[in-house]
N, C-alpha and C. Protein backbone atom coordinates (compact mmCIF):
# COMPACT_ATOMS: atom_id res chain seq x y z
N MET A 1 -118.00 -142.65 -89.89
CA MET A 1 -117.59 -142.96 -88.52
C MET A 1 -118.83 -142.96 -87.63
N THR A 2 -119.04 -144.02 -86.90
CA THR A 2 -120.16 -144.08 -85.97
C THR A 2 -119.77 -143.42 -84.67
N SER A 3 -120.71 -142.66 -84.15
CA SER A 3 -120.47 -141.96 -82.89
C SER A 3 -121.04 -142.79 -81.75
N SER A 4 -120.34 -142.79 -80.64
CA SER A 4 -120.87 -143.48 -79.46
C SER A 4 -121.94 -142.63 -78.78
N LEU A 5 -122.29 -141.52 -79.42
CA LEU A 5 -123.32 -140.63 -78.86
C LEU A 5 -124.63 -140.73 -79.63
N VAL A 6 -124.77 -141.75 -80.46
CA VAL A 6 -126.04 -142.01 -81.14
C VAL A 6 -126.86 -142.91 -80.22
N ILE A 7 -128.09 -142.43 -79.90
CA ILE A 7 -128.93 -143.12 -78.92
C ILE A 7 -130.18 -143.65 -79.59
N LYS A 8 -130.51 -144.89 -79.32
CA LYS A 8 -131.77 -145.46 -79.79
C LYS A 8 -132.91 -144.70 -79.11
N ALA A 9 -133.84 -144.19 -79.91
CA ALA A 9 -134.85 -143.30 -79.34
C ALA A 9 -136.29 -143.66 -79.71
N ASP A 10 -136.49 -144.60 -80.62
CA ASP A 10 -137.85 -144.85 -81.09
C ASP A 10 -138.79 -145.33 -79.99
N ASP A 11 -138.28 -146.01 -78.99
CA ASP A 11 -139.13 -146.48 -77.89
C ASP A 11 -139.37 -145.40 -76.82
N LEU A 12 -138.66 -144.27 -76.92
CA LEU A 12 -138.84 -143.17 -75.96
C LEU A 12 -139.93 -142.19 -76.40
N VAL A 13 -140.08 -142.01 -77.71
CA VAL A 13 -141.02 -141.03 -78.24
C VAL A 13 -142.45 -141.37 -77.80
N GLY A 14 -143.10 -140.37 -77.21
CA GLY A 14 -144.48 -140.56 -76.75
C GLY A 14 -144.59 -141.21 -75.38
N HIS A 15 -143.46 -141.43 -74.73
CA HIS A 15 -143.46 -142.08 -73.41
C HIS A 15 -142.65 -141.23 -72.42
N PRO A 16 -143.27 -140.19 -71.86
CA PRO A 16 -142.55 -139.30 -70.93
C PRO A 16 -142.01 -139.99 -69.68
N GLU A 17 -142.50 -141.18 -69.37
CA GLU A 17 -142.03 -141.88 -68.18
C GLU A 17 -140.73 -142.66 -68.44
N LYS A 18 -140.35 -142.80 -69.70
CA LYS A 18 -139.15 -143.57 -70.04
C LYS A 18 -137.94 -142.66 -70.18
N GLU A 19 -136.80 -143.19 -69.76
CA GLU A 19 -135.53 -142.47 -69.93
C GLU A 19 -134.42 -143.46 -70.17
N ARG A 20 -133.35 -142.96 -70.76
CA ARG A 20 -132.19 -143.80 -71.06
C ARG A 20 -130.92 -143.00 -70.79
N PRO A 21 -130.10 -143.43 -69.83
CA PRO A 21 -128.82 -142.75 -69.63
C PRO A 21 -127.86 -143.08 -70.78
N PHE A 22 -126.96 -142.15 -71.05
CA PHE A 22 -125.98 -142.39 -72.11
C PHE A 22 -124.64 -141.78 -71.70
N LYS A 23 -123.61 -142.29 -72.33
CA LYS A 23 -122.25 -141.83 -72.07
C LYS A 23 -121.44 -142.15 -73.32
N GLY A 24 -120.60 -141.24 -73.74
CA GLY A 24 -119.79 -141.51 -74.91
C GLY A 24 -118.75 -140.43 -75.15
N THR A 25 -118.02 -140.57 -76.25
CA THR A 25 -116.98 -139.63 -76.61
C THR A 25 -117.11 -139.27 -78.09
N ARG A 26 -116.46 -138.18 -78.43
CA ARG A 26 -116.42 -137.74 -79.83
C ARG A 26 -115.15 -136.94 -80.04
N GLU A 27 -114.51 -137.11 -81.18
CA GLU A 27 -113.33 -136.31 -81.54
C GLU A 27 -113.78 -134.88 -81.81
N VAL A 28 -113.02 -133.92 -81.30
CA VAL A 28 -113.34 -132.52 -81.54
C VAL A 28 -112.08 -131.75 -81.93
N SER A 29 -112.29 -130.69 -82.66
CA SER A 29 -111.23 -129.77 -83.01
C SER A 29 -111.86 -128.39 -83.16
N LEU A 30 -111.72 -127.59 -82.10
CA LEU A 30 -112.33 -126.25 -82.07
C LEU A 30 -111.25 -125.21 -81.84
N ARG A 31 -111.40 -124.07 -82.49
CA ARG A 31 -110.51 -122.94 -82.21
C ARG A 31 -111.37 -121.68 -82.26
N LEU A 32 -111.27 -120.91 -81.19
CA LEU A 32 -111.99 -119.66 -81.11
C LEU A 32 -111.07 -118.63 -80.47
N GLY A 33 -110.59 -117.69 -81.26
CA GLY A 33 -109.64 -116.70 -80.74
C GLY A 33 -108.39 -117.40 -80.22
N ASP A 34 -108.08 -117.18 -78.94
CA ASP A 34 -106.90 -117.79 -78.33
C ASP A 34 -107.25 -119.02 -77.49
N SER A 35 -108.39 -119.65 -77.78
CA SER A 35 -108.81 -120.88 -77.10
C SER A 35 -108.92 -122.01 -78.12
N THR A 36 -108.36 -123.16 -77.77
CA THR A 36 -108.49 -124.33 -78.64
C THR A 36 -108.89 -125.53 -77.81
N VAL A 37 -109.65 -126.41 -78.43
CA VAL A 37 -110.01 -127.70 -77.84
C VAL A 37 -109.81 -128.73 -78.93
N THR A 38 -108.93 -129.69 -78.66
CA THR A 38 -108.72 -130.78 -79.60
C THR A 38 -108.63 -132.08 -78.81
N GLY A 39 -109.01 -133.17 -79.46
CA GLY A 39 -108.97 -134.47 -78.80
C GLY A 39 -110.37 -134.99 -78.55
N LEU A 40 -110.50 -135.74 -77.49
CA LEU A 40 -111.79 -136.36 -77.18
C LEU A 40 -112.65 -135.49 -76.28
N MET A 41 -113.90 -135.35 -76.65
CA MET A 41 -114.89 -134.69 -75.81
C MET A 41 -115.71 -135.81 -75.16
N SER A 42 -115.85 -135.76 -73.85
CA SER A 42 -116.66 -136.74 -73.12
C SER A 42 -118.05 -136.15 -72.89
N VAL A 43 -119.06 -136.97 -73.09
CA VAL A 43 -120.44 -136.53 -72.91
C VAL A 43 -121.18 -137.60 -72.13
N GLU A 44 -121.95 -137.14 -71.14
CA GLU A 44 -122.84 -138.07 -70.45
C GLU A 44 -124.12 -137.35 -70.08
N GLY A 45 -125.21 -138.12 -70.03
CA GLY A 45 -126.48 -137.51 -69.73
C GLY A 45 -127.62 -138.50 -69.73
N VAL A 46 -128.82 -137.97 -69.89
CA VAL A 46 -130.04 -138.78 -69.89
C VAL A 46 -130.93 -138.32 -71.03
N ALA A 47 -131.46 -139.27 -71.78
CA ALA A 47 -132.45 -138.98 -72.81
C ALA A 47 -133.81 -139.41 -72.26
N ARG A 48 -134.78 -138.50 -72.31
CA ARG A 48 -136.12 -138.79 -71.78
C ARG A 48 -137.14 -138.64 -72.90
N GLY A 49 -138.13 -139.52 -72.88
CA GLY A 49 -139.21 -139.42 -73.85
C GLY A 49 -140.08 -138.21 -73.55
N THR A 50 -140.60 -137.61 -74.61
CA THR A 50 -141.59 -136.55 -74.48
C THR A 50 -142.78 -136.94 -75.37
N ILE A 51 -143.82 -136.17 -75.30
CA ILE A 51 -145.00 -136.47 -76.09
C ILE A 51 -144.67 -136.52 -77.58
N ASP A 52 -143.83 -135.59 -78.04
CA ASP A 52 -143.55 -135.50 -79.47
C ASP A 52 -142.10 -135.76 -79.86
N GLY A 53 -141.28 -136.30 -78.95
CA GLY A 53 -139.88 -136.55 -79.30
C GLY A 53 -139.06 -137.04 -78.13
N VAL A 54 -137.82 -136.54 -78.07
CA VAL A 54 -136.87 -136.95 -77.03
C VAL A 54 -136.14 -135.70 -76.54
N GLN A 55 -136.01 -135.58 -75.23
CA GLN A 55 -135.26 -134.49 -74.60
C GLN A 55 -133.97 -135.08 -74.06
N ALA A 56 -132.84 -134.56 -74.52
CA ALA A 56 -131.54 -135.02 -74.03
C ALA A 56 -130.92 -133.92 -73.17
N ASN A 57 -130.58 -134.24 -71.95
CA ASN A 57 -129.86 -133.35 -71.04
C ASN A 57 -128.48 -133.96 -70.84
N PHE A 58 -127.44 -133.15 -70.97
CA PHE A 58 -126.10 -133.72 -70.99
C PHE A 58 -125.07 -132.74 -70.42
N THR A 59 -123.89 -133.30 -70.12
CA THR A 59 -122.73 -132.51 -69.75
C THR A 59 -121.59 -132.92 -70.68
N SER A 60 -120.96 -131.92 -71.30
CA SER A 60 -119.83 -132.15 -72.21
C SER A 60 -118.57 -131.59 -71.58
N SER A 61 -117.46 -132.29 -71.75
CA SER A 61 -116.20 -131.77 -71.25
C SER A 61 -115.05 -132.23 -72.14
N ALA A 62 -114.03 -131.38 -72.23
CA ALA A 62 -112.84 -131.69 -73.03
C ALA A 62 -111.68 -130.86 -72.51
N GLN A 63 -110.49 -131.26 -72.89
CA GLN A 63 -109.28 -130.54 -72.50
C GLN A 63 -109.10 -129.34 -73.41
N GLY A 64 -108.98 -128.15 -72.82
CA GLY A 64 -108.79 -126.93 -73.60
C GLY A 64 -107.40 -126.37 -73.39
N HIS A 65 -106.93 -125.63 -74.38
CA HIS A 65 -105.64 -124.94 -74.30
C HIS A 65 -105.92 -123.46 -74.53
N MET A 66 -105.48 -122.62 -73.58
CA MET A 66 -105.76 -121.19 -73.63
C MET A 66 -104.46 -120.38 -73.63
N LYS A 67 -104.55 -119.16 -74.19
CA LYS A 67 -103.43 -118.22 -74.14
C LYS A 67 -104.00 -116.88 -73.69
N CYS A 68 -103.49 -116.38 -72.57
CA CYS A 68 -103.95 -115.13 -71.99
C CYS A 68 -103.72 -113.98 -72.97
N VAL A 69 -104.76 -113.20 -73.24
CA VAL A 69 -104.63 -112.09 -74.18
C VAL A 69 -103.90 -110.90 -73.57
N ARG A 70 -103.70 -110.90 -72.26
CA ARG A 70 -102.98 -109.78 -71.63
C ARG A 70 -101.49 -110.03 -71.52
N CYS A 71 -101.10 -111.26 -71.12
CA CYS A 71 -99.67 -111.51 -70.85
C CYS A 71 -99.09 -112.67 -71.66
N LEU A 72 -99.91 -113.35 -72.46
CA LEU A 72 -99.49 -114.43 -73.35
C LEU A 72 -99.09 -115.72 -72.64
N ILE A 73 -99.40 -115.85 -71.35
CA ILE A 73 -99.17 -117.11 -70.64
C ILE A 73 -100.12 -118.16 -71.22
N GLU A 74 -99.62 -119.37 -71.43
CA GLU A 74 -100.45 -120.45 -71.95
C GLU A 74 -100.71 -121.45 -70.84
N TRP A 75 -101.92 -122.04 -70.84
CA TRP A 75 -102.27 -123.05 -69.85
C TRP A 75 -103.35 -123.97 -70.41
N ASP A 76 -103.46 -125.12 -69.77
CA ASP A 76 -104.48 -126.11 -70.13
C ASP A 76 -105.49 -126.19 -69.01
N GLU A 77 -106.75 -126.37 -69.38
CA GLU A 77 -107.80 -126.58 -68.38
C GLU A 77 -108.93 -127.36 -69.01
N VAL A 78 -109.68 -128.05 -68.16
CA VAL A 78 -110.85 -128.78 -68.63
C VAL A 78 -111.99 -127.78 -68.83
N VAL A 79 -112.58 -127.84 -70.02
CA VAL A 79 -113.72 -127.00 -70.35
C VAL A 79 -114.96 -127.89 -70.24
N SER A 80 -115.93 -127.46 -69.44
CA SER A 80 -117.12 -128.28 -69.20
C SER A 80 -118.37 -127.42 -69.28
N VAL A 81 -119.43 -127.99 -69.84
CA VAL A 81 -120.69 -127.25 -69.98
C VAL A 81 -121.86 -128.23 -69.96
N SER A 82 -122.97 -127.77 -69.41
CA SER A 82 -124.21 -128.56 -69.43
C SER A 82 -125.12 -128.00 -70.52
N GLY A 83 -125.89 -128.86 -71.11
CA GLY A 83 -126.79 -128.42 -72.17
C GLY A 83 -127.96 -129.36 -72.31
N SER A 84 -128.87 -128.99 -73.19
CA SER A 84 -130.02 -129.84 -73.48
C SER A 84 -130.43 -129.63 -74.93
N GLN A 85 -131.08 -130.63 -75.48
CA GLN A 85 -131.56 -130.56 -76.85
C GLN A 85 -132.84 -131.38 -76.97
N HIS A 86 -133.84 -130.79 -77.59
CA HIS A 86 -135.07 -131.53 -77.87
C HIS A 86 -135.00 -132.00 -79.31
N PHE A 87 -135.19 -133.29 -79.50
CA PHE A 87 -135.21 -133.88 -80.83
C PHE A 87 -136.66 -134.23 -81.17
N GLY A 88 -137.14 -133.69 -82.25
CA GLY A 88 -138.49 -133.99 -82.72
C GLY A 88 -138.42 -134.78 -84.01
N LYS A 89 -139.59 -135.06 -84.58
CA LYS A 89 -139.63 -135.79 -85.84
C LYS A 89 -139.17 -134.92 -87.01
N LEU A 90 -139.39 -133.61 -86.89
CA LEU A 90 -138.93 -132.67 -87.91
C LEU A 90 -137.68 -131.95 -87.41
N PRO A 91 -136.75 -131.65 -88.31
CA PRO A 91 -135.52 -130.96 -87.89
C PRO A 91 -135.80 -129.57 -87.33
N ASP A 92 -135.05 -129.19 -86.30
CA ASP A 92 -135.15 -127.82 -85.77
C ASP A 92 -134.26 -126.90 -86.60
N GLU A 93 -134.06 -125.66 -86.13
CA GLU A 93 -133.27 -124.69 -86.89
C GLU A 93 -131.81 -125.11 -87.07
N ASP A 94 -131.32 -126.01 -86.23
CA ASP A 94 -129.95 -126.50 -86.36
C ASP A 94 -129.88 -127.81 -87.12
N GLY A 95 -131.03 -128.34 -87.51
CA GLY A 95 -131.07 -129.58 -88.28
C GLY A 95 -131.13 -130.84 -87.43
N TYR A 96 -131.29 -130.70 -86.11
CA TYR A 96 -131.33 -131.87 -85.24
C TYR A 96 -132.74 -132.45 -85.20
N ALA A 97 -132.83 -133.76 -85.38
CA ALA A 97 -134.12 -134.44 -85.38
C ALA A 97 -133.90 -135.92 -85.11
N ILE A 98 -135.00 -136.62 -84.88
CA ILE A 98 -134.95 -138.08 -84.76
C ILE A 98 -134.82 -138.62 -86.18
N ARG A 99 -133.80 -139.41 -86.40
CA ARG A 99 -133.58 -139.99 -87.73
C ARG A 99 -133.44 -141.50 -87.59
N GLU A 100 -134.27 -142.20 -88.31
CA GLU A 100 -134.26 -143.67 -88.30
C GLU A 100 -134.31 -144.22 -86.88
N GLY A 101 -135.12 -143.59 -86.03
CA GLY A 101 -135.33 -144.06 -84.67
C GLY A 101 -134.18 -143.77 -83.72
N GLU A 102 -133.26 -142.88 -84.12
CA GLU A 102 -132.10 -142.56 -83.29
C GLU A 102 -131.89 -141.05 -83.21
N VAL A 103 -131.20 -140.62 -82.16
CA VAL A 103 -130.78 -139.23 -82.03
C VAL A 103 -129.27 -139.22 -81.81
N ASP A 104 -128.62 -138.22 -82.37
CA ASP A 104 -127.18 -138.07 -82.21
C ASP A 104 -126.92 -136.86 -81.32
N VAL A 105 -126.48 -137.10 -80.10
CA VAL A 105 -126.24 -136.04 -79.12
C VAL A 105 -124.88 -135.39 -79.34
N GLY A 106 -124.07 -135.94 -80.22
CA GLY A 106 -122.73 -135.40 -80.47
C GLY A 106 -122.75 -133.98 -81.00
N GLY A 107 -123.65 -133.67 -81.92
CA GLY A 107 -123.72 -132.33 -82.50
C GLY A 107 -124.09 -131.26 -81.48
N PRO A 108 -125.20 -131.44 -80.76
CA PRO A 108 -125.55 -130.44 -79.74
C PRO A 108 -124.50 -130.31 -78.64
N SER A 109 -123.83 -131.40 -78.29
CA SER A 109 -122.78 -131.35 -77.28
C SER A 109 -121.61 -130.50 -77.75
N LEU A 110 -121.24 -130.67 -79.01
CA LEU A 110 -120.16 -129.88 -79.60
C LEU A 110 -120.56 -128.41 -79.68
N ASP A 111 -121.81 -128.14 -80.06
CA ASP A 111 -122.30 -126.76 -80.12
C ASP A 111 -122.16 -126.06 -78.76
N GLU A 112 -122.59 -126.73 -77.71
CA GLU A 112 -122.54 -126.14 -76.37
C GLU A 112 -121.10 -125.89 -75.93
N LEU A 113 -120.22 -126.82 -76.26
CA LEU A 113 -118.80 -126.66 -75.91
C LEU A 113 -118.21 -125.45 -76.65
N ALA A 114 -118.56 -125.29 -77.91
CA ALA A 114 -118.05 -124.16 -78.69
C ALA A 114 -118.55 -122.84 -78.12
N LEU A 115 -119.77 -122.81 -77.63
CA LEU A 115 -120.35 -121.58 -77.09
C LEU A 115 -119.70 -121.14 -75.78
N ILE A 116 -119.12 -122.08 -75.04
CA ILE A 116 -118.56 -121.74 -73.73
C ILE A 116 -117.09 -121.31 -73.83
N LEU A 117 -116.44 -121.54 -74.96
CA LEU A 117 -115.03 -121.17 -75.10
C LEU A 117 -114.87 -119.65 -75.08
N PRO A 118 -113.92 -119.15 -74.30
CA PRO A 118 -113.69 -117.70 -74.31
C PRO A 118 -112.90 -117.27 -75.55
N VAL A 119 -113.34 -116.20 -76.20
CA VAL A 119 -112.63 -115.66 -77.35
C VAL A 119 -111.32 -115.02 -76.91
N ALA A 120 -111.35 -114.34 -75.78
CA ALA A 120 -110.19 -113.64 -75.25
C ALA A 120 -109.92 -114.13 -73.82
N PRO A 121 -109.29 -115.30 -73.66
CA PRO A 121 -109.07 -115.84 -72.32
C PRO A 121 -108.09 -115.00 -71.50
N ILE A 122 -108.36 -114.92 -70.22
CA ILE A 122 -107.48 -114.24 -69.26
C ILE A 122 -107.18 -115.23 -68.15
N HIS A 123 -105.91 -115.47 -67.87
CA HIS A 123 -105.54 -116.50 -66.90
C HIS A 123 -105.89 -116.10 -65.47
N ASP A 124 -105.95 -114.78 -65.20
CA ASP A 124 -106.26 -114.28 -63.86
C ASP A 124 -106.87 -112.88 -64.04
N GLU A 125 -107.98 -112.62 -63.38
CA GLU A 125 -108.63 -111.31 -63.51
C GLU A 125 -107.70 -110.16 -63.11
N ASN A 126 -106.71 -110.44 -62.26
CA ASN A 126 -105.76 -109.42 -61.82
C ASN A 126 -104.52 -109.35 -62.70
N CYS A 127 -104.53 -110.01 -63.84
CA CYS A 127 -103.37 -110.01 -64.75
C CYS A 127 -103.05 -108.58 -65.17
N LYS A 128 -101.78 -108.21 -65.03
CA LYS A 128 -101.34 -106.85 -65.37
C LYS A 128 -100.90 -106.73 -66.83
N GLY A 129 -100.72 -107.85 -67.51
CA GLY A 129 -100.36 -107.81 -68.92
C GLY A 129 -98.88 -107.56 -69.16
N LEU A 130 -98.59 -107.07 -70.34
CA LEU A 130 -97.22 -106.78 -70.75
C LEU A 130 -97.00 -105.28 -70.80
N CYS A 131 -95.78 -104.86 -70.50
CA CYS A 131 -95.42 -103.44 -70.59
C CYS A 131 -95.50 -103.03 -72.06
N PRO A 132 -96.22 -101.97 -72.37
CA PRO A 132 -96.35 -101.57 -73.77
C PRO A 132 -95.06 -100.99 -74.36
N VAL A 133 -94.10 -100.66 -73.52
CA VAL A 133 -92.85 -100.09 -74.01
C VAL A 133 -91.79 -101.17 -74.19
N CYS A 134 -91.52 -101.96 -73.12
CA CYS A 134 -90.42 -102.92 -73.20
C CYS A 134 -90.89 -104.37 -73.36
N GLY A 135 -92.16 -104.64 -73.13
CA GLY A 135 -92.68 -105.99 -73.31
C GLY A 135 -92.51 -106.92 -72.12
N ASN A 136 -92.01 -106.41 -70.98
CA ASN A 136 -91.87 -107.25 -69.78
C ASN A 136 -93.24 -107.71 -69.30
N ASP A 137 -93.28 -108.91 -68.75
CA ASP A 137 -94.50 -109.41 -68.12
C ASP A 137 -94.64 -108.68 -66.78
N LEU A 138 -95.61 -107.81 -66.66
CA LEU A 138 -95.76 -106.99 -65.46
C LEU A 138 -96.20 -107.80 -64.24
N ASN A 139 -96.64 -109.03 -64.43
CA ASN A 139 -97.00 -109.89 -63.30
C ASN A 139 -95.77 -110.42 -62.58
N SER A 140 -94.73 -110.75 -63.33
CA SER A 140 -93.54 -111.35 -62.72
C SER A 140 -92.31 -110.44 -62.76
N ASP A 141 -92.30 -109.47 -63.64
CA ASP A 141 -91.12 -108.62 -63.79
C ASP A 141 -91.57 -107.17 -64.04
N PRO A 142 -92.09 -106.53 -62.99
CA PRO A 142 -92.55 -105.15 -63.20
C PRO A 142 -91.38 -104.24 -63.52
N CYS A 143 -91.59 -103.40 -64.50
CA CYS A 143 -90.51 -102.46 -64.84
C CYS A 143 -90.75 -101.16 -64.06
N ASP A 144 -89.68 -100.39 -63.89
CA ASP A 144 -89.75 -99.16 -63.09
C ASP A 144 -90.24 -97.97 -63.89
N GLY A 145 -90.74 -98.20 -65.04
CA GLY A 145 -91.14 -97.09 -65.90
C GLY A 145 -90.05 -96.83 -66.90
N HIS A 146 -90.31 -95.96 -67.78
CA HIS A 146 -89.34 -95.67 -68.82
C HIS A 146 -89.18 -94.17 -68.90
N GLU A 147 -87.91 -93.75 -68.82
CA GLU A 147 -87.58 -92.33 -68.79
C GLU A 147 -88.17 -91.61 -69.99
N ASP A 148 -87.89 -92.10 -71.18
CA ASP A 148 -88.34 -91.41 -72.37
C ASP A 148 -89.14 -92.37 -73.24
N ALA A 149 -90.43 -92.28 -73.14
CA ALA A 149 -91.30 -93.15 -73.92
C ALA A 149 -91.66 -92.48 -75.24
N LEU A 150 -90.92 -91.44 -75.64
CA LEU A 150 -91.23 -90.70 -76.86
C LEU A 150 -90.82 -91.45 -78.12
N ASP A 151 -90.16 -92.61 -77.96
CA ASP A 151 -89.74 -93.37 -79.13
C ASP A 151 -90.86 -94.24 -79.69
N THR A 152 -92.01 -94.21 -79.07
CA THR A 152 -93.11 -95.03 -79.57
C THR A 152 -93.79 -94.33 -80.73
N PRO A 153 -94.43 -95.07 -81.63
CA PRO A 153 -95.12 -94.44 -82.75
C PRO A 153 -96.32 -93.60 -82.30
N PHE A 154 -96.76 -93.76 -81.06
CA PHE A 154 -97.92 -93.02 -80.56
C PHE A 154 -97.53 -91.74 -79.82
N ALA A 155 -96.24 -91.43 -79.75
CA ALA A 155 -95.78 -90.26 -79.02
C ALA A 155 -96.35 -88.97 -79.61
N VAL A 156 -96.58 -88.92 -80.91
CA VAL A 156 -97.11 -87.71 -81.55
C VAL A 156 -98.54 -87.42 -81.08
N LEU A 157 -99.24 -88.41 -80.61
CA LEU A 157 -100.61 -88.21 -80.14
C LEU A 157 -100.67 -87.52 -78.78
N LYS A 158 -99.54 -87.49 -78.07
CA LYS A 158 -99.51 -86.89 -76.74
C LYS A 158 -99.92 -85.42 -76.79
N ASP A 159 -99.51 -84.72 -77.80
CA ASP A 159 -99.82 -83.29 -77.91
C ASP A 159 -101.30 -83.00 -78.17
N LEU A 160 -102.03 -83.98 -78.64
CA LEU A 160 -103.46 -83.79 -78.91
C LEU A 160 -104.26 -83.54 -77.63
N PHE A 161 -103.76 -84.04 -76.53
CA PHE A 161 -104.50 -83.96 -75.28
C PHE A 161 -103.99 -82.88 -74.33
N ASP A 162 -102.99 -82.12 -74.74
CA ASP A 162 -102.51 -81.02 -73.90
C ASP A 162 -103.51 -79.87 -73.98
N SER A 163 -103.72 -79.18 -72.83
CA SER A 163 -104.71 -78.10 -72.84
C SER A 163 -104.14 -76.81 -73.26
């Protein structure tokens, strides 16, 4: 499959005054903890020549689906991140390099998007979570407490902290 994020780069190498804007998409499927991104990732940026290669500066964005680790509310939001990658004639530690006079910005764009995904998303910093006894969502249905919480498996630990 050809990516629309492959950029002709042979005329940029060694010419710091030259640049080429680019824009494209790539299919993605990422899952990290309770965050997922699937579908099309949009990328746009500028590739500039350097003395020994090409510097690509870009912004990646895609639709993400999150589930709050405190209250289990699910929501969708656009996940967006800026990044950069230098492509040289020899591969870097991630294997990115100029190949056959072209650079593929799709890989570094996907890497940056994966790095910005939260492992444990929270829909609101003030989220109260779920009641550990009855499971009510404390944001929308606060419970009045529970008379006898001794039915929990952790009730035996209560005596450990008595003075």
